[in-house]
Each structure stands twice: as structure tokens, then as C-alpha cells.
Amino acid sequence: IERAILGNNLPENDVNDWNYADLPKVFARNVKTQPLCLHVSRLGELKKAIEQATSYNGLVFIEAELPKFDALDSLKNAGGKLADRIYGHNGPQNEEGARLK
């Protein structure tokens, strides 16, 4: 969402790599059924993860890794309009190469 508002390349838009799929395990140390934590980056993997999730009797957490600049066209459009409203036409969203395409 931030890339759609402020642009592609601002460093604060880059979140450090981390194993987010294991986050629920931090909060479930003393439970009988450990959470099922999965990481997917392809559609086929997501389908398999959803199949696993439907038969798992416990908390399921699926981290879906998307391409860096992936966003719905409606989000790109709304983000640009919001940035223009907040920052005006001279804001960071209008720098060369900043807009999501």
C-alpha cells in the first residue's frame, strides 16, 4: 500500500526479510496443538497450503510472498490520488520512476 502512495523506491517501504510464517509459534509455546505455519510464493503452493489448512485442527498461518511491485490497478490508482491530495503535485510520488505501473 505504501508503494502505491509514496512510490516504488523509498527505503522505508522495504521490510526486512524475516520468517513471518513462524511468528504464531512464538505465541503458542504451551499449547497442545502447535500452529501450522506455511510460506508460499506461487499459486500452486497456495492451493496446497489451503488444502492443508482445511484439514488442520488448529491455528493456521499462511505467509504469501508476492512480487515487490504487485498491486491491484485500483490500489495503484487510489494510492496516486491519495498521495496527490496529501503531498500535492510536488510530493515524492511524482519523482522519476516512483509510480507503480
PDB file of N, CA and C in Angstrom:
ATOM      1  N   ILE A   1       0.833  -1.191   0.000  1.00  0.00           N
ATOM      2  CA  ILE A   1       0.000   0.000   0.000  1.00  0.00           C
ATOM      3  C   ILE A   1       0.873   1.248   0.000  1.00  0.00           C
ATOM      4  N   GLU A   2       1.934   1.236   0.801  1.00  0.00           N
ATOM      5  CA  GLU A   2       2.801   2.412   0.866  1.00  0.00           C
ATOM      6  C   GLU A   2       3.454   2.717  -0.477  1.00  0.00           C
ATOM      7  N   ARG A   3       3.817   1.675  -1.227  1.00  0.00           N
ATOM      8  CA  ARG A   3       4.421   1.904  -2.538  1.00  0.00           C
ATOM      9  C   ARG A   3       3.436   2.611  -3.464  1.00  0.00           C
ATOM     10  N   ALA A   4       2.156   2.290  -3.344  1.00  0.00           N
ATOM     11  CA  ALA A   4       1.150   2.929  -4.183  1.00  0.00           C
ATOM     12  C   ALA A   4       0.968   4.395  -3.812  1.00  0.00           C
ATOM     13  N   ILE A   5       1.239   4.745  -2.565  1.00  0.00           N
ATOM     14  CA  ILE A   5       1.056   6.130  -2.124  1.00  0.00           C
ATOM     15  C   ILE A   5       2.323   6.949  -2.341  1.00  0.00           C
ATOM     16  N   LEU A   6       3.454   6.468  -1.833  1.00  0.00           N
ATOM     17  CA  LEU A   6       4.682   7.261  -1.862  1.00  0.00           C
ATOM     18  C   LEU A   6       5.665   6.881  -2.960  1.00  0.00           C
ATOM     19  N   GLY A   7       5.442   5.784  -3.621  1.00  0.00           N
ATOM     20  CA  GLY A   7       6.311   5.431  -4.729  1.00  0.00           C
ATOM     21  C   GLY A   7       7.092   4.152  -4.504  1.00  0.00           C
ATOM     22  N   ASN A   8       7.679   3.677  -5.592  1.00  0.00           N
ATOM     23  CA  ASN A   8       8.361   2.384  -5.625  1.00  0.00           C
ATOM     24  C   ASN A   8       9.575   2.270  -4.728  1.00  0.00           C
ATOM     25  N   ASN A   9      10.380   3.301  -4.676  1.00  0.00           N
ATOM     26  CA  ASN A   9      11.760   3.118  -4.242  1.00  0.00           C
ATOM     27  C   ASN A   9      12.158   3.756  -2.923  1.00  0.00           C
ATOM     28  N   LEU A  10      11.220   4.226  -2.150  1.00  0.00           N
ATOM     29  CA  LEU A  10      11.592   4.795  -0.861  1.00  0.00           C
ATOM     30  C   LEU A  10      12.034   3.675   0.078  1.00  0.00           C
ATOM     31  N   PRO A  11      13.178   3.815   0.738  1.00  0.00           N
ATOM     32  CA  PRO A  11      13.708   2.726   1.557  1.00  0.00           C
ATOM     33  C   PRO A  11      12.787   2.302   2.701  1.00  0.00           C
ATOM     34  N   GLU A  12      11.957   3.198   3.201  1.00  0.00           N
ATOM     35  CA  GLU A  12      11.070   2.819   4.302  1.00  0.00           C
ATOM     36  C   GLU A  12       9.962   1.865   3.843  1.00  0.00           C
ATOM     37  N   ASN A  13       9.817   1.669   2.536  1.00  0.00           N
ATOM     38  CA  ASN A  13       8.832   0.716   2.028  1.00  0.00           C
ATOM     39  C   ASN A  13       9.359  -0.716   2.020  1.00  0.00           C
ATOM     40  N   ASP A  14      10.639  -0.898   2.249  1.00  0.00           N
ATOM     41  CA  ASP A  14      11.234  -2.228   2.229  1.00  0.00           C
ATOM     42  C   ASP A  14      11.302  -2.792   3.644  1.00  0.00           C
ATOM     43  N   VAL A  15      10.554  -3.858   3.872  1.00  0.00           N
ATOM     44  CA  VAL A  15      10.537  -4.525   5.167  1.00  0.00           C
ATOM     45  C   VAL A  15      11.643  -5.569   5.157  1.00  0.00           C
ATOM     46  N   ASN A  16      12.384  -5.676   6.240  1.00  0.00           N
ATOM     47  CA  ASN A  16      13.460  -6.660   6.315  1.00  0.00           C
ATOM     48  C   ASN A  16      12.934  -8.070   6.139  1.00  0.00           C
ATOM     49  N   ASP A  17      13.735  -8.888   5.458  1.00  0.00           N
ATOM     50  CA  ASP A  17      13.374 -10.296   5.320  1.00  0.00           C
ATOM     51  C   ASP A  17      13.373 -10.943   6.699  1.00  0.00           C
ATOM     52  N   TRP A  18      12.391 -11.761   6.918  1.00  0.00           N
ATOM     53  CA  TRP A  18      12.245 -12.443   8.192  1.00  0.00           C
ATOM     54  C   TRP A  18      11.299 -13.604   7.970  1.00  0.00           C
ATOM     55  N   ASN A  19      11.309 -14.581   8.784  1.00  0.00           N
ATOM     56  CA  ASN A  19      10.438 -15.727   8.620  1.00  0.00           C
ATOM     57  C   ASN A  19       9.099 -15.449   9.311  1.00  0.00           C
ATOM     58  N   TYR A  20       8.270 -14.649   8.669  1.00  0.00           N
ATOM     59  CA  TYR A  20       6.993 -14.251   9.251  1.00  0.00           C
ATOM     60  C   TYR A  20       6.070 -15.440   9.482  1.00  0.00           C
ATOM     61  N   ALA A  21       6.201 -16.479   8.667  1.00  0.00           N
ATOM     62  CA  ALA A  21       5.328 -17.647   8.816  1.00  0.00           C
ATOM     63  C   ALA A  21       5.507 -18.329  10.166  1.00  0.00           C
ATOM     64  N   ASP A  22       6.649 -18.149  10.820  1.00  0.00           N
ATOM     65  CA  ASP A  22       6.875 -18.775  12.125  1.00  0.00           C
ATOM     66  C   ASP A  22       6.413 -17.909  13.297  1.00  0.00           C
ATOM     67  N   LEU A  23       5.922 -16.730  13.029  1.00  0.00           N
ATOM     68  CA  LEU A  23       5.503 -15.833  14.101  1.00  0.00           C
ATOM     69  C   LEU A  23       4.474 -16.447  15.050  1.00  0.00           C
ATOM     70  N   PRO A  24       3.443 -17.141  14.570  1.00  0.00           N
ATOM     71  CA  PRO A  24       2.477 -17.722  15.512  1.00  0.00           C
ATOM     72  C   PRO A  24       3.097 -18.701  16.506  1.00  0.00           C
ATOM     73  N   LYS A  25       4.178 -19.353  16.141  1.00  0.00           N
ATOM     74  CA  LYS A  25       4.832 -20.295  17.054  1.00  0.00           C
ATOM     75  C   LYS A  25       5.358 -19.587  18.305  1.00  0.00           C
ATOM     76  N   VAL A  26       5.674 -18.320  18.177  1.00  0.00           N
ATOM     77  CA  VAL A  26       6.157 -17.541  19.310  1.00  0.00           C
ATOM     78  C   VAL A  26       5.078 -17.435  20.388  1.00  0.00           C
ATOM     79  N   PHE A  27       3.840 -17.337  19.955  1.00  0.00           N
ATOM     80  CA  PHE A  27       2.729 -17.143  20.887  1.00  0.00           C
ATOM     81  C   PHE A  27       2.059 -18.445  21.295  1.00  0.00           C
ATOM     82  N   ALA A  28       2.542 -19.578  20.792  1.00  0.00           N
ATOM     83  CA  ALA A  28       1.872 -20.847  21.052  1.00  0.00           C
ATOM     84  C   ALA A  28       2.818 -21.870  21.659  1.00  0.00           C
ATOM     85  N   ARG A  29       3.690 -21.430  22.521  1.00  0.00           N
ATOM     86  CA  ARG A  29       4.684 -22.340  23.095  1.00  0.00           C
ATOM     87  C   ARG A  29       4.079 -23.423  23.963  1.00  0.00           C
ATOM     88  N   ASN A  30       3.019 -23.111  24.685  1.00  0.00           N
ATOM     89  CA  ASN A  30       2.488 -24.053  25.670  1.00  0.00           C
ATOM     90  C   ASN A  30       1.093 -24.555  25.321  1.00  0.00           C
ATOM     91  N   VAL A  31       0.808 -24.671  24.045  1.00  0.00           N
ATOM     92  CA  VAL A  31      -0.498 -25.190  23.645  1.00  0.00           C
ATOM     93  C   VAL A  31      -0.339 -26.626  23.146  1.00  0.00           C
ATOM     94  N   LYS A  32      -1.418 -27.389  23.215  1.00  0.00           N
ATOM     95  CA  LYS A  32      -1.360 -28.794  22.801  1.00  0.00           C
ATOM     96  C   LYS A  32      -1.145 -28.934  21.301  1.00  0.00           C
ATOM     97  N   THR A  33      -1.851 -28.144  20.532  1.00  0.00           N
ATOM     98  CA  THR A  33      -1.740 -28.216  19.078  1.00  0.00           C
ATOM     99  C   THR A  33      -0.951 -27.016  18.580  1.00  0.00           C
ATOM    100  N   GLN A  34       0.220 -27.266  18.063  1.00  0.00           N
ATOM    101  CA  GLN A  34       1.043 -26.185  17.533  1.00  0.00           C
ATOM    102  C   GLN A  34       0.415 -25.624  16.252  1.00  0.00           C
ATOM    103  N   PRO A  35       0.596 -24.361  15.997  1.00  0.00           N
ATOM    104  CA  PRO A  35       0.047 -23.788  14.768  1.00  0.00           C
ATOM    105  C   PRO A  35       0.739 -24.370  13.538  1.00  0.00           C
ATOM    106  N   LEU A  36      -0.019 -24.457  12.469  1.00  0.00           N
ATOM    107  CA  LEU A  36       0.529 -24.842  11.176  1.00  0.00           C
ATOM    108  C   LEU A  36       0.951 -23.568  10.482  1.00  0.00           C
ATOM    109  N   CYS A  37       2.247 -23.399  10.272  1.00  0.00           N
ATOM    110  CA  CYS A  37       2.787 -22.170   9.694  1.00  0.00           C
ATOM    111  C   CYS A  37       3.423 -22.484   8.343  1.00  0.00           C
ATOM    112  N   LEU A  38       2.927 -21.830   7.314  1.00  0.00           N
ATOM    113  CA  LEU A  38       3.366 -22.115   5.963  1.00  0.00           C
ATOM    114  C   LEU A  38       3.777 -20.839   5.241  1.00  0.00           C
ATOM    115  N   HIS A  39       4.699 -20.993   4.309  1.00  0.00           N
ATOM    116  CA  HIS A  39       5.156 -19.879   3.476  1.00  0.00           C
ATOM    117  C   HIS A  39       4.963 -20.284   2.028  1.00  0.00           C
ATOM    118  N   VAL A  40       4.314 -19.432   1.237  1.00  0.00           N
ATOM    119  CA  VAL A  40       4.088 -19.726  -0.173  1.00  0.00           C
ATOM    120  C   VAL A  40       4.519 -18.542  -1.027  1.00  0.00           C
ATOM    121  N   SER A  41       4.950 -18.838  -2.248  1.00  0.00           N
ATOM    122  CA  SER A  41       5.305 -17.767  -3.175  1.00  0.00           C
ATOM    123  C   SER A  41       4.774 -18.019  -4.584  1.00  0.00           C
ATOM    124  N   ARG A  42       4.052 -19.128  -4.750  1.00  0.00           N
ATOM    125  CA  ARG A  42       3.459 -19.454  -6.053  1.00  0.00           C
ATOM    126  C   ARG A  42       2.013 -19.904  -5.841  1.00  0.00           C
ATOM    127  N   LEU A  43       1.226 -19.744  -6.893  1.00  0.00           N
ATOM    128  CA  LEU A  43      -0.192 -20.085  -6.803  1.00  0.00           C
ATOM    129  C   LEU A  43      -0.396 -21.556  -6.448  1.00  0.00           C
ATOM    130  N   GLY A  44       0.374 -22.452  -7.053  1.00  0.00           N
ATOM    131  CA  GLY A  44       0.251 -23.876  -6.740  1.00  0.00           C
ATOM    132  C   GLY A  44       0.542 -24.165  -5.278  1.00  0.00           C
ATOM    133  N   GLU A  45       1.546 -23.479  -4.728  1.00  0.00           N
ATOM    134  CA  GLU A  45       1.875 -23.640  -3.312  1.00  0.00           C
ATOM    135  C   GLU A  45       0.725 -23.151  -2.435  1.00  0.00           C
ATOM    136  N   LEU A  46       0.108 -22.054  -2.839  1.00  0.00           N
ATOM    137  CA  LEU A  46      -1.015 -21.516  -2.067  1.00  0.00           C
ATOM    138  C   LEU A  46      -2.180 -22.498  -2.065  1.00  0.00           C
ATOM    139  N   LYS A  47      -2.465 -23.092  -3.213  1.00  0.00           N
ATOM    140  CA  LYS A  47      -3.551 -24.074  -3.281  1.00  0.00           C
ATOM    141  C   LYS A  47      -3.278 -25.249  -2.352  1.00  0.00           C
ATOM    142  N   LYS A  48      -2.042 -25.753  -2.345  1.00  0.00           N
ATOM    143  CA  LYS A  48      -1.686 -26.866  -1.458  1.00  0.00           C
ATOM    144  C   LYS A  48      -1.785 -26.448   0.006  1.00  0.00           C
ATOM    145  N   ALA A  49      -1.349 -25.221   0.307  1.00  0.00           N
ATOM    146  CA  ALA A  49      -1.413 -24.728   1.688  1.00  0.00           C
ATOM    147  C   ALA A  49      -2.853 -24.629   2.160  1.00  0.00           C
ATOM    148  N   ILE A  50      -3.731 -24.171   1.291  1.00  0.00           N
ATOM    149  CA  ILE A  50      -5.152 -24.066   1.656  1.00  0.00           C
ATOM    150  C   ILE A  50      -5.740 -25.456   1.885  1.00  0.00           C
ATOM    151  N   GLU A  51      -5.344 -26.428   1.060  1.00  0.00           N
ATOM    152  CA  GLU A  51      -5.800 -27.811   1.276  1.00  0.00           C
ATOM    153  C   GLU A  51      -5.336 -28.316   2.638  1.00  0.00           C
ATOM    154  N   GLN A  52      -4.071 -28.054   2.981  1.00  0.00           N
ATOM    155  CA  GLN A  52      -3.559 -28.461   4.300  1.00  0.00           C
ATOM    156  C   GLN A  52      -4.347 -27.774   5.411  1.00  0.00           C
ATOM    157  N   ALA A  53      -4.615 -26.500   5.216  1.00  0.00           N
ATOM    158  CA  ALA A  53      -5.286 -25.710   6.249  1.00  0.00           C
ATOM    159  C   ALA A  53      -6.693 -26.217   6.521  1.00  0.00           C
ATOM    160  N   THR A  54      -7.392 -26.650   5.488  1.00  0.00           N
ATOM    161  CA  THR A  54      -8.776 -27.087   5.684  1.00  0.00           C
ATOM    162  C   THR A  54      -8.867 -28.364   6.500  1.00  0.00           C
ATOM    163  N   SER A  55      -7.810 -29.168   6.501  1.00  0.00           N
ATOM    164  CA  SER A  55      -7.853 -30.415   7.266  1.00  0.00           C
ATOM    165  C   SER A  55      -7.084 -30.329   8.582  1.00  0.00           C
ATOM    166  N   TYR A  56      -6.542 -29.151   8.902  1.00  0.00           N
ATOM    167  CA  TYR A  56      -5.761 -28.999  10.132  1.00  0.00           C
ATOM    168  C   TYR A  56      -6.663 -28.518  11.253  1.00  0.00           C
ATOM    169  N   ASN A  57      -6.568 -29.148  12.416  1.00  0.00           N
ATOM    170  CA  ASN A  57      -7.393 -28.782  13.553  1.00  0.00           C
ATOM    171  C   ASN A  57      -6.584 -27.898  14.499  1.00  0.00           C
ATOM    172  N   GLY A  58      -6.432 -26.650  14.134  1.00  0.00           N
ATOM    173  CA  GLY A  58      -5.678 -25.703  14.938  1.00  0.00           C
ATOM    174  C   GLY A  58      -5.464 -24.421  14.153  1.00  0.00           C
ATOM    175  N   LEU A  59      -4.694 -23.541  14.744  1.00  0.00           N
ATOM    176  CA  LEU A  59      -4.395 -22.261  14.108  1.00  0.00           C
ATOM    177  C   LEU A  59      -3.547 -22.493  12.864  1.00  0.00           C
ATOM    178  N   VAL A  60      -3.911 -21.814  11.779  1.00  0.00           N
ATOM    179  CA  VAL A  60      -3.145 -21.891  10.539  1.00  0.00           C
ATOM    180  C   VAL A  60      -2.737 -20.480  10.147  1.00  0.00           C
ATOM    181  N   PHE A  61      -1.466 -20.332   9.798  1.00  0.00           N
ATOM    182  CA  PHE A  61      -0.933 -19.043   9.363  1.00  0.00           C
ATOM    183  C   PHE A  61      -0.221 -19.275   8.044  1.00  0.00           C
ATOM    184  N   ILE A  62      -0.693 -18.610   6.988  1.00  0.00           N
ATOM    185  CA  ILE A  62      -0.068 -18.744   5.676  1.00  0.00           C
ATOM    186  C   ILE A  62       0.519 -17.394   5.285  1.00  0.00           C
ATOM    187  N   GLU A  63       1.838 -17.365   5.128  1.00  0.00           N
ATOM    188  CA  GLU A  63       2.515 -16.165   4.648  1.00  0.00           C
ATOM    189  C   GLU A  63       2.600 -16.272   3.130  1.00  0.00           C
ATOM    190  N   ALA A  64       1.990 -15.337   2.432  1.00  0.00           N
ATOM    191  CA  ALA A  64       2.019 -15.319   0.971  1.00  0.00           C
ATOM    192  C   ALA A  64       3.000 -14.239   0.515  1.00  0.00           C
ATOM    193  N   GLU A  65       4.078 -14.658  -0.104  1.00  0.00           N
ATOM    194  CA  GLU A  65       5.095 -13.729  -0.598  1.00  0.00           C
ATOM    195  C   GLU A  65       4.739 -13.320  -2.019  1.00  0.00           C
ATOM    196  N   LEU A  66       4.519 -12.036  -2.215  1.00  0.00           N
ATOM    197  CA  LEU A  66       4.128 -11.505  -3.517  1.00  0.00           C
ATOM    198  C   LEU A  66       5.292 -10.739  -4.141  1.00  0.00           C
ATOM    199  N   PRO A  67       5.262 -10.581  -5.454  1.00  0.00           N
ATOM    200  CA  PRO A  67       6.296  -9.764  -6.086  1.00  0.00           C
ATOM    201  C   PRO A  67       6.309  -8.347  -5.494  1.00  0.00           C
ATOM    202  N   LYS A  68       7.476  -7.760  -5.442  1.00  0.00           N
ATOM    203  CA  LYS A  68       7.694  -6.481  -4.766  1.00  0.00           C
ATOM    204  C   LYS A  68       6.723  -5.389  -5.213  1.00  0.00           C
ATOM    205  N   PHE A  69       6.427  -5.311  -6.488  1.00  0.00           N
ATOM    206  CA  PHE A  69       5.594  -4.222  -7.001  1.00  0.00           C
ATOM    207  C   PHE A  69       4.187  -4.683  -7.384  1.00  0.00           C
ATOM    208  N   ASP A  70       3.754  -5.824  -6.879  1.00  0.00           N
ATOM    209  CA  ASP A  70       2.435  -6.355  -7.197  1.00  0.00           C
ATOM    210  C   ASP A  70       1.375  -5.559  -6.450  1.00  0.00           C
ATOM    211  N   ALA A  71       0.389  -5.089  -7.180  1.00  0.00           N
ATOM    212  CA  ALA A  71      -0.737  -4.371  -6.578  1.00  0.00           C
ATOM    213  C   ALA A  71      -1.885  -4.326  -7.580  1.00  0.00           C
ATOM    214  N   LEU A  72      -3.091  -4.320  -7.072  1.00  0.00           N
ATOM    215  CA  LEU A  72      -4.259  -4.174  -7.932  1.00  0.00           C
ATOM    216  C   LEU A  72      -4.237  -2.805  -8.607  1.00  0.00           C
ATOM    217  N   ASP A  73      -4.755  -2.721  -9.821  1.00  0.00           N
ATOM    218  CA  ASP A  73      -4.816  -1.441 -10.519  1.00  0.00           C
ATOM    219  C   ASP A  73      -5.605  -0.410  -9.722  1.00  0.00           C
ATOM    220  N   SER A  74      -6.670  -0.854  -9.066  1.00  0.00           N
ATOM    221  CA  SER A  74      -7.473   0.076  -8.270  1.00  0.00           C
ATOM    222  C   SER A  74      -6.668   0.646  -7.097  1.00  0.00           C
ATOM    223  N   LEU A  75      -5.780  -0.176  -6.502  1.00  0.00           N
ATOM    224  CA  LEU A  75      -4.928   0.309  -5.413  1.00  0.00           C
ATOM    225  C   LEU A  75      -3.892   1.300  -5.938  1.00  0.00           C
ATOM    226  N   LYS A  76      -3.308   1.006  -7.087  1.00  0.00           N
ATOM    227  CA  LYS A  76      -2.332   1.927  -7.682  1.00  0.00           C
ATOM    228  C   LYS A  76      -2.982   3.274  -7.968  1.00  0.00           C
ATOM    229  N   ASN A  77      -4.174   3.245  -8.528  1.00  0.00           N
ATOM    230  CA  ASN A  77      -4.888   4.471  -8.858  1.00  0.00           C
ATOM    231  C   ASN A  77      -5.258   5.256  -7.599  1.00  0.00           C
ATOM    232  N   ALA A  78      -5.818   4.569  -6.607  1.00  0.00           N
ATOM    233  CA  ALA A  78      -6.221   5.229  -5.361  1.00  0.00           C
ATOM    234  C   ALA A  78      -5.004   5.770  -4.611  1.00  0.00           C
ATOM    235  N   GLY A  79      -3.907   5.006  -4.600  1.00  0.00           N
ATOM    236  CA  GLY A  79      -2.691   5.456  -3.921  1.00  0.00           C
ATOM    237  C   GLY A  79      -2.143   6.734  -4.518  1.00  0.00           C
ATOM    238  N   GLY A  80      -2.132   6.806  -5.836  1.00  0.00           N
ATOM    239  CA  GLY A  80      -1.654   8.017  -6.503  1.00  0.00           C
ATOM    240  C   GLY A  80      -2.519   9.223  -6.192  1.00  0.00           C
ATOM    241  N   LYS A  81      -3.813   9.018  -6.196  1.00  0.00           N
ATOM    242  CA  LYS A  81      -4.737  10.120  -5.888  1.00  0.00           C
ATOM    243  C   LYS A  81      -4.578  10.577  -4.437  1.00  0.00           C
ATOM    244  N   LEU A  82      -4.426   9.620  -3.530  1.00  0.00           N
ATOM    245  CA  LEU A  82      -4.243   9.959  -2.119  1.00  0.00           C
ATOM    246  C   LEU A  82      -2.939  10.724  -1.920  1.00  0.00           C
ATOM    247  N   ALA A  83      -1.872  10.268  -2.561  1.00  0.00           N
ATOM    248  CA  ALA A  83      -0.580  10.962  -2.443  1.00  0.00           C
ATOM    249  C   ALA A  83      -0.682  12.384  -2.975  1.00  0.00           C
ATOM    250  N   ASP A  84      -1.351  12.577  -4.097  1.00  0.00           N
ATOM    251  CA  ASP A  84      -1.510  13.924  -4.647  1.00  0.00           C
ATOM    252  C   ASP A  84      -2.287  14.808  -3.680  1.00  0.00           C
ATOM    253  N   ARG A  85      -3.270  14.226  -3.023  1.00  0.00           N
ATOM    254  CA  ARG A  85      -4.081  15.001  -2.070  1.00  0.00           C
ATOM    255  C   ARG A  85      -3.263  15.371  -0.827  1.00  0.00           C
ATOM    256  N   ILE A  86      -2.460  14.430  -0.330  1.00  0.00           N
ATOM    257  CA  ILE A  86      -1.691  14.667   0.891  1.00  0.00           C
ATOM    258  C   ILE A  86      -0.468  15.534   0.631  1.00  0.00           C
ATOM    259  N   TYR A  87       0.294  15.192  -0.407  1.00  0.00           N
ATOM    260  CA  TYR A  87       1.603  15.829  -0.633  1.00  0.00           C
ATOM    261  C   TYR A  87       1.601  16.871  -1.739  1.00  0.00           C
ATOM    262  N   GLY A  88       0.503  16.971  -2.488  1.00  0.00           N
ATOM    263  CA  GLY A  88       0.459  17.906  -3.607  1.00  0.00           C
ATOM    264  C   GLY A  88       1.240  17.359  -4.794  1.00  0.00           C
ATOM    265  N   HIS A  89       1.271  18.116  -5.845  1.00  0.00           N
ATOM    266  CA  HIS A  89       1.894  17.647  -7.083  1.00  0.00           C
ATOM    267  C   HIS A  89       3.417  17.618  -7.022  1.00  0.00           C
ATOM    268  N   ASN A  90       4.014  18.184  -5.996  1.00  0.00           N
ATOM    269  CA  ASN A  90       5.476  18.165  -5.863  1.00  0.00           C
ATOM    270  C   ASN A  90       5.960  17.108  -4.874  1.00  0.00           C
ATOM    271  N   GLY A  91       5.076  16.205  -4.467  1.00  0.00           N
ATOM    272  CA  GLY A  91       5.433  15.187  -3.485  1.00  0.00           C
ATOM    273  C   GLY A  91       6.323  14.089  -4.049  1.00  0.00           C
ATOM    274  N   PRO A  92       6.806  13.204  -3.171  1.00  0.00           N
ATOM    275  CA  PRO A  92       7.733  12.147  -3.579  1.00  0.00           C
ATOM    276  C   PRO A  92       7.124  11.160  -4.571  1.00  0.00           C
ATOM    277  N   GLN A  93       5.802  11.078  -4.610  1.00  0.00           N
ATOM    278  CA  GLN A  93       5.132  10.155  -5.518  1.00  0.00           C
ATOM    279  C   GLN A  93       5.302  10.547  -6.983  1.00  0.00           C
ATOM    280  N   ASN A  94       5.725  11.784  -7.240  1.00  0.00           N
ATOM    281  CA  ASN A  94       5.875  12.255  -8.617  1.00  0.00           C
ATOM    282  C   ASN A  94       7.324  12.302  -9.090  1.00  0.00           C
ATOM    283  N   GLU A  95       8.237  11.755  -8.288  1.00  0.00           N
ATOM    284  CA  GLU A  95       9.627  11.678  -8.752  1.00  0.00           C
ATOM    285  C   GLU A  95       9.736  10.656  -9.876  1.00  0.00           C
ATOM    286  N   GLU A  96      10.770  10.795 -10.663  1.00  0.00           N
ATOM    287  CA  GLU A  96      11.020   9.889 -11.794  1.00  0.00           C
ATOM    288  C   GLU A  96      10.987   8.429 -11.344  1.00  0.00           C
ATOM    289  N   GLY A  97      10.151   7.619 -11.961  1.00  0.00           N
ATOM    290  CA  GLY A  97      10.083   6.193 -11.683  1.00  0.00           C
ATOM    291  C   GLY A  97       9.409   5.811 -10.369  1.00  0.00           C
ATOM    292  N   ALA A  98       8.766   6.752  -9.703  1.00  0.00           N
ATOM    293  CA  ALA A  98       8.207   6.465  -8.377  1.00  0.00           C
ATOM    294  C   ALA A  98       6.876   5.733  -8.444  1.00  0.00           C
ATOM    295  N   ARG A  99       6.069   5.978  -9.447  1.00  0.00           N
ATOM    296  CA  ARG A  99       4.720   5.397  -9.500  1.00  0.00           C
ATOM    297  C   ARG A  99       4.756   3.920  -9.852  1.00  0.00           C
ATOM    298  N   LEU A 100       3.890   3.157  -9.191  1.00  0.00           N
ATOM    299  CA  LEU A 100       3.702   1.755  -9.563  1.00  0.00           C
ATOM    300  C   LEU A 100       3.067   1.713 -10.939  1.00  0.00           C
ATOM    301  N   LYS A 101       3.537   0.822 -11.775  1.00  0.00           N
ATOM    302  CA  LYS A 101       2.970   0.708 -13.125  1.00  0.00           C
ATOM    303  C   LYS A 101       2.227  -0.588 -13.273  1.00  0.00           C
TER     304      LYS A 101
END
